[in-house]
């Protein structure tokens, strides 16, 4: 485990867990954003990831427990292979949707969700977990139809617990703790 970020002061922090993307994949995504995100706001390079579980506002003293559950789930994870297959918009974000070959990423996410639920810091969403990378944010749908980025297979080797800091210019994500995935 490595901890490049730290949490100081305050009683509650806004947390989520995510797969970190290899630098080469981030490079391709950023180049793709420059070409295809022509309306709205491109998500900054350092904020590109695959969300596993958005935990939300959590007592700061629970952070170590969250990281322990992430580390335990990561140790049990099988190697994941994700591949961009399309672009999709919700009412406020544009995302690159990923195919989860063999379902290893979904199995990892389900394991983590169960662990965080038992810890009492997470409530599973009603909709099925969808592996994706949020690449843009907007106030009105842009109705773009770009091709998926040509990243080739994405094989994440790390997951991380992130702190989400709300700023006037948009959220800033800080890696609090990074763990190696067991299947790699």
C-alpha atoms as a PDB file:
ATOM      1  CA  UNK A   1       0.000   0.000   0.000  1.00  0.00           C
ATOM      2  CA  UNK A   2       1.118   3.552  -0.602  1.00  0.00           C
ATOM      3  CA  UNK A   3      -0.401   6.769   0.716  1.00  0.00           C
ATOM      4  CA  UNK A   4       0.375   9.833  -1.407  1.00  0.00           C
ATOM      5  CA  UNK A   5      -2.534  11.816   0.055  1.00  0.00           C
ATOM      6  CA  UNK A   6      -3.376  12.663   3.635  1.00  0.00           C
ATOM      7  CA  UNK A   7      -6.448  13.823   5.425  1.00  0.00           C
ATOM      8  CA  UNK A   8      -6.195  16.564   7.987  1.00  0.00           C
ATOM      9  CA  UNK A   9      -8.750  18.279  10.186  1.00  0.00           C
ATOM     10  CA  UNK A  10     -12.499  18.014   9.881  1.00  0.00           C
ATOM     11  CA  UNK A  11     -14.795  15.295  11.030  1.00  0.00           C
ATOM     12  CA  UNK A  12     -16.194  14.033   7.727  1.00  0.00           C
ATOM     13  CA  UNK A  13     -14.551  13.388   4.377  1.00  0.00           C
ATOM     14  CA  UNK A  14     -16.059  12.644   0.961  1.00  0.00           C
ATOM     15  CA  UNK A  15     -14.683   9.270  -0.188  1.00  0.00           C
ATOM     16  CA  UNK A  16     -14.824   6.854  -3.080  1.00  0.00           C
ATOM     17  CA  UNK A  17     -12.887   3.787  -4.230  1.00  0.00           C
ATOM     18  CA  UNK A  18     -11.750   3.371  -7.825  1.00  0.00           C
ATOM     19  CA  UNK A  19      -9.500   1.525 -10.224  1.00  0.00           C
ATOM     20  CA  UNK A  20      -6.495   3.589 -11.231  1.00  0.00           C
ATOM     21  CA  UNK A  21      -5.779   3.687 -14.941  1.00  0.00           C
ATOM     22  CA  UNK A  22      -2.329   3.007 -16.423  1.00  0.00           C
ATOM     23  CA  UNK A  23      -0.553   6.210 -17.562  1.00  0.00           C
ATOM     24  CA  UNK A  24      -0.566   5.057 -21.191  1.00  0.00           C
ATOM     25  CA  UNK A  25      -4.373   4.706 -21.074  1.00  0.00           C
ATOM     26  CA  UNK A  26      -4.749   8.146 -19.491  1.00  0.00           C
ATOM     27  CA  UNK A  27      -2.594   9.604 -22.295  1.00  0.00           C
ATOM     28  CA  UNK A  28      -4.936   8.119 -24.928  1.00  0.00           C
ATOM     29  CA  UNK A  29      -8.046   9.314 -23.041  1.00  0.00           C
ATOM     30  CA  UNK A  30      -6.711  12.871 -22.781  1.00  0.00           C
ATOM     31  CA  UNK A  31      -5.906  12.970 -26.509  1.00  0.00           C
ATOM     32  CA  UNK A  32      -9.398  11.566 -27.224  1.00  0.00           C
ATOM     33  CA  UNK A  33     -10.972  14.251 -25.002  1.00  0.00           C
ATOM     34  CA  UNK A  34      -9.136  16.995 -26.901  1.00  0.00           C
ATOM     35  CA  UNK A  35     -10.599  15.715 -30.156  1.00  0.00           C
ATOM     36  CA  UNK A  36     -14.111  14.721 -29.063  1.00  0.00           C
ATOM     37  CA  UNK A  37     -15.150  16.692 -25.967  1.00  0.00           C
ATOM     38  CA  UNK A  38     -16.114  19.810 -27.903  1.00  0.00           C
ATOM     39  CA  UNK A  39     -18.872  20.937 -25.526  1.00  0.00           C
ATOM     40  CA  UNK A  40     -18.989  20.759 -21.771  1.00  0.00           C
ATOM     41  CA  UNK A  41     -15.913  20.437 -19.584  1.00  0.00           C
ATOM     42  CA  UNK A  42     -13.353  17.653 -19.996  1.00  0.00           C
ATOM     43  CA  UNK A  43     -12.554  15.802 -16.782  1.00  0.00           C
ATOM     44  CA  UNK A  44      -8.961  16.646 -15.786  1.00  0.00           C
ATOM     45  CA  UNK A  45      -6.253  14.049 -16.390  1.00  0.00           C
ATOM     46  CA  UNK A  46      -5.715  13.398 -12.662  1.00  0.00           C
ATOM     47  CA  UNK A  47      -9.444  12.706 -12.173  1.00  0.00           C
ATOM     48  CA  UNK A  48      -9.747   9.915 -14.771  1.00  0.00           C
ATOM     49  CA  UNK A  49     -10.511   6.558 -13.105  1.00  0.00           C
ATOM     50  CA  UNK A  50     -13.084   3.749 -12.954  1.00  0.00           C
ATOM     51  CA  UNK A  51     -15.284   4.258  -9.889  1.00  0.00           C
ATOM     52  CA  UNK A  52     -15.907   1.097  -7.891  1.00  0.00           C
ATOM     53  CA  UNK A  53     -17.924   2.550  -5.003  1.00  0.00           C
ATOM     54  CA  UNK A  54     -18.902   6.121  -4.185  1.00  0.00           C
ATOM     55  CA  UNK A  55     -19.039   6.184  -0.390  1.00  0.00           C
ATOM     56  CA  UNK A  56     -19.768   9.868   0.138  1.00  0.00           C
ATOM     57  CA  UNK A  57     -19.474  11.785   3.395  1.00  0.00           C
ATOM     58  CA  UNK A  58     -17.862   9.536   5.996  1.00  0.00           C
ATOM     59  CA  UNK A  59     -16.368  10.113   9.446  1.00  0.00           C
ATOM     60  CA  UNK A  60     -12.629  10.638   8.985  1.00  0.00           C
ATOM     61  CA  UNK A  61     -11.843   8.016  11.627  1.00  0.00           C
ATOM     62  CA  UNK A  62     -13.431   5.318   9.379  1.00  0.00           C
ATOM     63  CA  UNK A  63     -10.864   5.891   6.612  1.00  0.00           C
ATOM     64  CA  UNK A  64      -8.452   3.175   7.812  1.00  0.00           C
ATOM     65  CA  UNK A  65     -11.301   0.631   7.888  1.00  0.00           C
ATOM     66  CA  UNK A  66     -12.351   1.573   4.343  1.00  0.00           C
ATOM     67  CA  UNK A  67      -8.758   1.220   3.116  1.00  0.00           C
ATOM     68  CA  UNK A  68      -8.440  -2.174   4.854  1.00  0.00           C
ATOM     69  CA  UNK A  69     -11.578  -3.443   3.083  1.00  0.00           C
ATOM     70  CA  UNK A  70     -10.269  -2.117  -0.241  1.00  0.00           C
ATOM     71  CA  UNK A  71      -6.906  -3.824   0.362  1.00  0.00           C
ATOM     72  CA  UNK A  72      -8.549  -7.145   1.283  1.00  0.00           C
ATOM     73  CA  UNK A  73     -10.850  -7.065  -1.767  1.00  0.00           C
ATOM     74  CA  UNK A  74      -7.895  -6.067  -3.972  1.00  0.00           C
ATOM     75  CA  UNK A  75      -5.787  -8.964  -2.717  1.00  0.00           C
ATOM     76  CA  UNK A  76      -8.563 -11.385  -3.710  1.00  0.00           C
ATOM     77  CA  UNK A  77      -9.201  -9.779  -7.119  1.00  0.00           C
ATOM     78  CA  UNK A  78      -8.591 -11.613 -10.374  1.00  0.00           C
ATOM     79  CA  UNK A  79      -6.820  -9.889 -13.261  1.00  0.00           C
ATOM     80  CA  UNK A  80      -9.181  -7.513 -15.052  1.00  0.00           C
ATOM     81  CA  UNK A  81      -9.302  -6.661 -18.744  1.00  0.00           C
ATOM     82  CA  UNK A  82     -11.462  -3.726 -19.707  1.00  0.00           C
ATOM     83  CA  UNK A  83     -12.023  -2.400 -23.213  1.00  0.00           C
ATOM     84  CA  UNK A  84     -13.756   0.818 -24.358  1.00  0.00           C
ATOM     85  CA  UNK A  85     -16.896  -0.074 -26.318  1.00  0.00           C
ATOM     86  CA  UNK A  86     -18.848   3.172 -26.536  1.00  0.00           C
ATOM     87  CA  UNK A  87     -19.745   6.615 -25.295  1.00  0.00           C
ATOM     88  CA  UNK A  88     -22.823   7.375 -23.194  1.00  0.00           C
ATOM     89  CA  UNK A  89     -24.313  10.469 -21.577  1.00  0.00           C
ATOM     90  CA  UNK A  90     -26.415  10.932 -18.485  1.00  0.00           C
ATOM     91  CA  UNK A  91     -28.027  14.260 -17.640  1.00  0.00           C
ATOM     92  CA  UNK A  92     -24.697  15.755 -16.479  1.00  0.00           C
ATOM     93  CA  UNK A  93     -21.765  13.542 -17.520  1.00  0.00           C
ATOM     94  CA  UNK A  94     -20.270  11.905 -20.590  1.00  0.00           C
ATOM     95  CA  UNK A  95     -18.595   8.556 -20.115  1.00  0.00           C
ATOM     96  CA  UNK A  96     -16.591   5.966 -21.957  1.00  0.00           C
ATOM     97  CA  UNK A  97     -18.315   2.641 -21.292  1.00  0.00           C
ATOM     98  CA  UNK A  98     -16.018  -0.340 -20.783  1.00  0.00           C
ATOM     99  CA  UNK A  99     -16.569  -4.028 -21.539  1.00  0.00           C
ATOM    100  CA  UNK A 100     -15.478  -6.206 -18.631  1.00  0.00           C
ATOM    101  CA  UNK A 101     -13.953  -9.310 -20.195  1.00  0.00           C
ATOM    102  CA  UNK A 102     -14.628 -12.374 -18.010  1.00  0.00           C
ATOM    103  CA  UNK A 103     -16.496 -10.226 -15.427  1.00  0.00           C
ATOM    104  CA  UNK A 104     -13.486  -9.896 -13.121  1.00  0.00           C
ATOM    105  CA  UNK A 105     -14.009  -6.144 -12.548  1.00  0.00           C
ATOM    106  CA  UNK A 106     -17.702  -6.664 -11.716  1.00  0.00           C
ATOM    107  CA  UNK A 107     -16.787  -9.471  -9.305  1.00  0.00           C
ATOM    108  CA  UNK A 108     -14.223  -7.210  -7.631  1.00  0.00           C
ATOM    109  CA  UNK A 109     -16.724  -4.353  -7.372  1.00  0.00           C
ATOM    110  CA  UNK A 110     -19.379  -6.684  -5.892  1.00  0.00           C
ATOM    111  CA  UNK A 111     -16.893  -8.022  -3.337  1.00  0.00           C
ATOM    112  CA  UNK A 112     -15.887  -4.484  -2.344  1.00  0.00           C
ATOM    113  CA  UNK A 113     -19.537  -3.369  -2.145  1.00  0.00           C
ATOM    114  CA  UNK A 114     -20.328  -6.240   0.212  1.00  0.00           C
ATOM    115  CA  UNK A 115     -17.343  -5.486   2.430  1.00  0.00           C
ATOM    116  CA  UNK A 116     -18.186  -1.774   2.619  1.00  0.00           C
ATOM    117  CA  UNK A 117     -21.858  -2.540   3.328  1.00  0.00           C
ATOM    118  CA  UNK A 118     -20.881  -4.849   6.206  1.00  0.00           C
ATOM    119  CA  UNK A 119     -18.665  -2.041   7.488  1.00  0.00           C
ATOM    120  CA  UNK A 120     -21.732   0.214   7.438  1.00  0.00           C
ATOM    121  CA  UNK A 121     -20.257   2.967   5.261  1.00  0.00           C
ATOM    122  CA  UNK A 122     -21.848   2.119   1.896  1.00  0.00           C
ATOM    123  CA  UNK A 123     -25.234   1.352   0.441  1.00  0.00           C
ATOM    124  CA  UNK A 124     -25.228  -0.484  -2.868  1.00  0.00           C
ATOM    125  CA  UNK A 125     -26.928   1.354  -5.730  1.00  0.00           C
ATOM    126  CA  UNK A 126     -30.122  -0.125  -7.172  1.00  0.00           C
ATOM    127  CA  UNK A 127     -28.698  -0.117 -10.706  1.00  0.00           C
ATOM    128  CA  UNK A 128     -26.092  -2.634 -11.814  1.00  0.00           C
ATOM    129  CA  UNK A 129     -22.483  -1.439 -11.553  1.00  0.00           C
ATOM    130  CA  UNK A 130     -21.272  -0.221 -14.949  1.00  0.00           C
ATOM    131  CA  UNK A 131     -17.526  -0.020 -15.610  1.00  0.00           C
ATOM    132  CA  UNK A 132     -16.864   3.374 -17.184  1.00  0.00           C
ATOM    133  CA  UNK A 133     -14.596   6.406 -17.158  1.00  0.00           C
ATOM    134  CA  UNK A 134     -16.297   9.781 -16.782  1.00  0.00           C
ATOM    135  CA  UNK A 135     -14.649  11.995 -19.409  1.00  0.00           C
ATOM    136  CA  UNK A 136     -16.821  15.128 -19.431  1.00  0.00           C
ATOM    137  CA  UNK A 137     -19.282  17.121 -17.346  1.00  0.00           C
ATOM    138  CA  UNK A 138     -21.930  19.520 -18.603  1.00  0.00           C
ATOM    139  CA  UNK A 139     -25.037  21.442 -17.626  1.00  0.00           C
ATOM    140  CA  UNK A 140     -26.977  20.328 -20.726  1.00  0.00           C
ATOM    141  CA  UNK A 141     -26.457  17.101 -22.624  1.00  0.00           C
ATOM    142  CA  UNK A 142     -24.052  17.577 -25.473  1.00  0.00           C
ATOM    143  CA  UNK A 143     -25.600  14.782 -27.568  1.00  0.00           C
ATOM    144  CA  UNK A 144     -22.167  13.767 -28.847  1.00  0.00           C
ATOM    145  CA  UNK A 145     -21.653  10.441 -30.625  1.00  0.00           C
ATOM    146  CA  UNK A 146     -17.875   9.949 -30.731  1.00  0.00           C
ATOM    147  CA  UNK A 147     -16.204   6.604 -31.341  1.00  0.00           C
ATOM    148  CA  UNK A 148     -14.675   4.948 -28.270  1.00  0.00           C
ATOM    149  CA  UNK A 149     -11.030   5.800 -27.608  1.00  0.00           C
ATOM    150  CA  UNK A 150      -8.499   3.325 -29.016  1.00  0.00           C
ATOM    151  CA  UNK A 151      -6.807   2.420 -25.748  1.00  0.00           C
ATOM    152  CA  UNK A 152      -6.601  -1.288 -26.469  1.00  0.00           C
ATOM    153  CA  UNK A 153      -7.153  -3.588 -23.485  1.00  0.00           C
ATOM    154  CA  UNK A 154      -6.977  -1.851 -20.113  1.00  0.00           C
ATOM    155  CA  UNK A 155      -5.409  -3.980 -17.372  1.00  0.00           C
ATOM    156  CA  UNK A 156      -5.563  -2.043 -14.092  1.00  0.00           C
ATOM    157  CA  UNK A 157      -2.941  -2.984 -11.514  1.00  0.00           C
ATOM    158  CA  UNK A 158      -4.054  -0.703  -8.671  1.00  0.00           C
ATOM    159  CA  UNK A 159      -7.145   0.431  -6.834  1.00  0.00           C
ATOM    160  CA  UNK A 160      -7.276   3.444  -4.553  1.00  0.00           C
ATOM    161  CA  UNK A 161      -9.297   5.199  -1.902  1.00  0.00           C
ATOM    162  CA  UNK A 162      -9.845   8.781  -3.023  1.00  0.00           C
ATOM    163  CA  UNK A 163     -10.768  11.975  -1.243  1.00  0.00           C
ATOM    164  CA  UNK A 164     -13.173  14.127  -3.261  1.00  0.00           C
ATOM    165  CA  UNK A 165     -12.714  17.834  -2.570  1.00  0.00           C
ATOM    166  CA  UNK A 166     -15.495  20.064  -3.839  1.00  0.00           C
ATOM    167  CA  UNK A 167     -14.136  23.237  -5.460  1.00  0.00           C
ATOM    168  CA  UNK A 168     -15.873  26.070  -7.372  1.00  0.00           C
ATOM    169  CA  UNK A 169     -14.040  24.882 -10.513  1.00  0.00           C
ATOM    170  CA  UNK A 170     -15.158  21.264 -10.003  1.00  0.00           C
ATOM    171  CA  UNK A 171     -14.218  18.312  -7.834  1.00  0.00           C
ATOM    172  CA  UNK A 172     -10.567  17.559  -7.171  1.00  0.00           C
ATOM    173  CA  UNK A 173      -9.676  13.938  -6.433  1.00  0.00           C
ATOM    174  CA  UNK A 174      -6.761  13.060  -4.177  1.00  0.00           C
ATOM    175  CA  UNK A 175      -5.429   9.500  -3.818  1.00  0.00           C
ATOM    176  CA  UNK A 176      -5.364   8.740  -0.098  1.00  0.00           C
ATOM    177  CA  UNK A 177      -4.201   5.149  -0.321  1.00  0.00           C
ATOM    178  CA  UNK A 178      -3.316   2.973  -3.272  1.00  0.00           C
ATOM    179  CA  UNK A 179      -3.275  -0.838  -3.215  1.00  0.00           C
ATOM    180  CA  UNK A 180      -2.037  -3.440  -5.703  1.00  0.00           C
ATOM    181  CA  UNK A 181      -4.594  -5.744  -7.274  1.00  0.00           C
ATOM    182  CA  UNK A 182      -4.022  -9.439  -6.537  1.00  0.00           C
ATOM    183  CA  UNK A 183      -4.525 -10.723 -10.067  1.00  0.00           C
ATOM    184  CA  UNK A 184      -1.563  -8.772 -11.425  1.00  0.00           C
END
